Amino acid sequence: WIYAGQYVVRLSRHPEFSTDKIFRYRTPRILFSNLIMGLIIYALLLIRPEFQDKILSIITLLTIIALGGISYIVALIVTKGMPLAQLKNILKRKMR
C-alpha cells in the first residue's frame, strides 16, 4: 500500500496526468467497498467456530471468502462504485 500511495502521489504531480469525473467519482466508492468487505471478513473470522476436523475448517474458510466476495459486489452496487451492467459484463467475460 505504501508503494501504491507513492505511485499515486508521483502521478498526480506529473503534468500530463489527469483524471476524469468517472475516476474521481468511483475511486472513493470502490475504496469504501473494500473497507466494507474487509470489515465483514474480519467480523466473520472473529465469530467463526473452531473445528478439530481440517475439512470443516477449510469449508468454513472458503465460505468466509465467498461471503467476502459477495459483500464486495453488493457494496459496489450499493455505493455506486460500479454500475450493475458493467459488473455483469465483467462476469460474462470471465466465464467465457
Protein backbone atom coordinates (compact mmCIF):
# COMPACT_ATOMS: atom_id res chain seq x y z
CA TRP A 1 0.00 0.00 0.00
CA ILE A 2 2.91 2.30 0.62
CA TYR A 3 4.14 1.84 -2.94
CA ALA A 4 0.63 2.37 -4.30
CA GLY A 5 0.37 5.61 -2.34
CA GLN A 6 3.77 6.78 -3.56
CA TYR A 7 2.76 5.95 -7.12
CA VAL A 8 -0.44 8.00 -6.85
CA VAL A 9 1.45 10.98 -5.39
CA ARG A 10 4.05 10.88 -8.15
CA LEU A 11 1.44 10.50 -10.86
CA SER A 12 -0.62 13.38 -9.51
CA ARG A 13 2.42 15.65 -9.73
CA HIS A 14 3.09 14.70 -13.34
CA PRO A 15 1.94 17.48 -15.70
CA GLU A 16 0.39 15.11 -18.26
CA PHE A 17 -1.62 13.11 -15.73
CA SER A 18 -5.26 13.99 -15.26
CA THR A 19 -8.31 12.14 -14.02
CA ASP A 20 -11.81 12.33 -15.37
CA LYS A 21 -15.06 12.70 -13.45
CA ILE A 22 -15.80 8.98 -13.50
CA PHE A 23 -12.43 8.16 -11.93
CA ARG A 24 -12.88 10.75 -9.19
CA TYR A 25 -16.46 9.57 -8.58
CA ARG A 26 -15.77 5.83 -8.46
CA THR A 27 -12.42 5.60 -6.70
CA PRO A 28 -13.61 6.62 -3.21
CA ARG A 29 -16.64 4.36 -3.57
CA ILE A 30 -14.51 1.39 -4.60
CA LEU A 31 -12.15 2.01 -1.68
CA PHE A 32 -15.13 2.26 0.68
CA SER A 33 -16.47 -1.04 -0.72
CA ASN A 34 -13.07 -2.60 0.01
CA LEU A 35 -13.30 -1.34 3.58
CA ILE A 36 -16.79 -2.80 3.98
CA MET A 37 -15.65 -6.16 2.62
CA GLY A 38 -12.62 -6.18 4.92
CA LEU A 39 -14.75 -5.42 7.98
CA ILE A 40 -17.23 -8.15 7.10
CA ILE A 41 -14.47 -10.72 6.60
CA TYR A 42 -12.82 -9.64 9.85
CA ALA A 43 -16.12 -9.96 11.75
CA LEU A 44 -16.75 -13.39 10.24
CA LEU A 45 -13.26 -14.54 11.19
CA LEU A 46 -13.86 -13.40 14.77
CA ILE A 47 -17.10 -15.37 15.14
CA ARG A 48 -16.14 -18.48 13.18
CA PRO A 49 -16.22 -21.71 15.14
CA GLU A 50 -13.00 -23.65 15.67
CA PHE A 51 -13.12 -27.18 14.30
CA GLN A 52 -10.72 -30.03 15.02
CA ASP A 53 -11.50 -31.50 11.61
CA LYS A 54 -9.40 -29.92 8.84
CA ILE A 55 -12.13 -30.36 6.22
CA LEU A 56 -14.66 -28.39 8.25
CA SER A 57 -12.07 -25.66 8.87
CA ILE A 58 -11.35 -25.41 5.12
CA ILE A 59 -15.07 -25.32 4.27
CA THR A 60 -15.59 -22.57 6.87
CA LEU A 61 -12.71 -20.52 5.46
CA LEU A 62 -13.94 -20.94 1.88
CA THR A 63 -17.43 -19.86 2.98
CA ILE A 64 -15.98 -16.74 4.60
CA ILE A 65 -14.04 -15.93 1.44
CA ALA A 66 -17.17 -16.39 -0.70
CA LEU A 67 -19.21 -14.18 1.62
CA GLY A 68 -16.47 -11.56 1.41
CA GLY A 69 -16.66 -11.58 -2.38
CA ILE A 70 -20.43 -11.35 -2.33
CA SER A 71 -20.31 -8.49 0.18
CA TYR A 72 -17.84 -6.64 -2.05
CA ILE A 73 -20.10 -6.93 -5.09
CA VAL A 74 -23.13 -5.80 -3.07
CA ALA A 75 -21.15 -2.89 -1.60
CA LEU A 76 -20.02 -1.85 -5.08
CA ILE A 77 -23.61 -1.79 -6.28
CA VAL A 78 -24.98 -0.01 -3.19
CA THR A 79 -22.25 2.66 -3.13
CA LYS A 80 -22.49 3.03 -6.93
CA GLY A 81 -18.78 2.30 -7.23
CA MET A 82 -19.53 0.36 -10.38
CA PRO A 83 -22.75 0.12 -12.38
CA LEU A 84 -24.55 -3.23 -12.32
CA ALA A 85 -24.38 -3.51 -16.12
CA GLN A 86 -20.60 -3.14 -16.06
CA LEU A 87 -20.29 -5.80 -13.35
CA LYS A 88 -22.40 -8.17 -15.43
CA ASN A 89 -20.18 -7.58 -18.46
CA ILE A 90 -17.05 -8.28 -16.41
CA LEU A 91 -18.51 -11.52 -15.05
CA LYS A 92 -19.63 -12.62 -18.52
CA ARG A 93 -16.15 -12.02 -19.94
CA LYS A 94 -14.54 -14.06 -17.15
CA MET A 95 -16.85 -17.01 -17.76
CA ARG A 96 -16.03 -17.31 -21.47
